[in-house]
Amino acid sequence: MNLFQNSSGDMKLALKENLTNMKMEKGESIPKYFTKFTQCRDELGSGRVTVAEYYFVRHILLGFPKS
């Protein structure tokens, strides 16, 4: 099944949850972490989910480790 053929509310919610739950892994480089967010943004766009840019920035910052 192609993830983006279904534009139901459940699919959109799952894509947004993926963004919300994304965290930087221990030892992960910042460029790799940013790439994960870029891929997530592209997936959301392919699923016809509109997300404000500030929402992405907010979750990028929240995903950084406290250190």
C-alpha atoms as a PDB file:
ATOM      1  CA  MET A   1       0.000   0.000   0.000  1.00  0.00           C
ATOM      2  CA  ASN A   2       1.310   3.435  -0.883  1.00  0.00           C
ATOM      3  CA  LEU A   3       1.266   5.558   2.257  1.00  0.00           C
ATOM      4  CA  PHE A   4       0.233   8.672   0.358  1.00  0.00           C
ATOM      5  CA  GLN A   5      -2.643   7.298  -1.702  1.00  0.00           C
ATOM      6  CA  ASN A   6      -4.880   7.523   1.357  1.00  0.00           C
ATOM      7  CA  SER A   7      -5.582  11.123   2.348  1.00  0.00           C
ATOM      8  CA  SER A   8      -7.846  10.237   5.265  1.00  0.00           C
ATOM      9  CA  GLY A   9      -7.721  12.084   8.571  1.00  0.00           C
ATOM     10  CA  ASP A  10      -6.038   9.080  10.193  1.00  0.00           C
ATOM     11  CA  MET A  11      -3.162   9.154   7.703  1.00  0.00           C
ATOM     12  CA  LYS A  12      -2.672  12.893   8.162  1.00  0.00           C
ATOM     13  CA  LEU A  13      -2.654  12.482  11.913  1.00  0.00           C
ATOM     14  CA  ALA A  14      -0.068   9.688  11.716  1.00  0.00           C
ATOM     15  CA  LEU A  15       2.216  11.844   9.577  1.00  0.00           C
ATOM     16  CA  LYS A  16       1.932  14.765  12.009  1.00  0.00           C
ATOM     17  CA  GLU A  17       2.618  12.464  14.960  1.00  0.00           C
ATOM     18  CA  ASN A  18       5.782  11.290  13.227  1.00  0.00           C
ATOM     19  CA  LEU A  19       6.948  14.911  13.123  1.00  0.00           C
ATOM     20  CA  THR A  20       5.919  15.568  16.718  1.00  0.00           C
ATOM     21  CA  ASN A  21       7.734  12.498  18.081  1.00  0.00           C
ATOM     22  CA  MET A  22      10.989  12.983  16.162  1.00  0.00           C
ATOM     23  CA  LYS A  23      14.001  13.372  18.448  1.00  0.00           C
ATOM     24  CA  MET A  24      17.723  13.652  17.841  1.00  0.00           C
ATOM     25  CA  GLU A  25      19.342  10.308  18.613  1.00  0.00           C
ATOM     26  CA  LYS A  26      22.476  10.021  20.753  1.00  0.00           C
ATOM     27  CA  GLY A  27      25.526  10.443  18.521  1.00  0.00           C
ATOM     28  CA  GLU A  28      23.450  11.654  15.558  1.00  0.00           C
ATOM     29  CA  SER A  29      24.912  14.568  13.606  1.00  0.00           C
ATOM     30  CA  ILE A  30      22.944  17.775  13.210  1.00  0.00           C
ATOM     31  CA  PRO A  31      22.893  17.502   9.382  1.00  0.00           C
ATOM     32  CA  LYS A  32      21.489  13.969   9.628  1.00  0.00           C
ATOM     33  CA  TYR A  33      18.882  15.148  12.138  1.00  0.00           C
ATOM     34  CA  PHE A  34      17.851  18.002   9.813  1.00  0.00           C
ATOM     35  CA  THR A  35      17.631  15.541   6.915  1.00  0.00           C
ATOM     36  CA  LYS A  36      15.084  13.486   8.891  1.00  0.00           C
ATOM     37  CA  PHE A  37      12.939  16.602   9.282  1.00  0.00           C
ATOM     38  CA  THR A  38      13.282  17.468   5.597  1.00  0.00           C
ATOM     39  CA  GLN A  39      12.143  13.963   4.664  1.00  0.00           C
ATOM     40  CA  CYS A  40       9.239  14.211   7.084  1.00  0.00           C
ATOM     41  CA  ARG A  41       8.226  17.578   5.591  1.00  0.00           C
ATOM     42  CA  ASP A  42       8.325  16.051   2.113  1.00  0.00           C
ATOM     43  CA  GLU A  43       6.174  13.120   3.255  1.00  0.00           C
ATOM     44  CA  LEU A  44       3.650  15.500   4.772  1.00  0.00           C
ATOM     45  CA  GLY A  45       3.552  17.494   1.541  1.00  0.00           C
ATOM     46  CA  SER A  46       3.065  14.323  -0.496  1.00  0.00           C
ATOM     47  CA  GLY A  47       0.184  13.431   1.803  1.00  0.00           C
ATOM     48  CA  ARG A  48      -1.302  16.877   1.184  1.00  0.00           C
ATOM     49  CA  VAL A  49      -0.800  17.938   4.773  1.00  0.00           C
ATOM     50  CA  THR A  50      -0.064  21.625   5.244  1.00  0.00           C
ATOM     51  CA  VAL A  51       2.116  22.467   8.230  1.00  0.00           C
ATOM     52  CA  ALA A  52       3.330  25.965   9.055  1.00  0.00           C
ATOM     53  CA  GLU A  53       7.088  26.511   8.919  1.00  0.00           C
ATOM     54  CA  TYR A  54       7.194  27.645  12.562  1.00  0.00           C
ATOM     55  CA  TYR A  55       5.751  24.256  13.540  1.00  0.00           C
ATOM     56  CA  PHE A  56       8.744  22.510  11.951  1.00  0.00           C
ATOM     57  CA  VAL A  57      11.218  24.857  13.618  1.00  0.00           C
ATOM     58  CA  ARG A  58       9.536  24.346  16.982  1.00  0.00           C
ATOM     59  CA  HIS A  59       9.778  20.565  16.737  1.00  0.00           C
ATOM     60  CA  ILE A  60      13.358  20.645  15.484  1.00  0.00           C
ATOM     61  CA  LEU A  61      14.339  22.645  18.565  1.00  0.00           C
ATOM     62  CA  LEU A  62      12.302  20.465  20.932  1.00  0.00           C
ATOM     63  CA  GLY A  63      13.969  17.362  19.516  1.00  0.00           C
ATOM     64  CA  PHE A  64      17.471  18.425  20.497  1.00  0.00           C
ATOM     65  CA  PRO A  65      18.908  16.787  23.611  1.00  0.00           C
ATOM     66  CA  LYS A  66      19.087  18.995  26.693  1.00  0.00           C
ATOM     67  CA  SER A  67      22.895  18.875  26.617  1.00  0.00           C
END
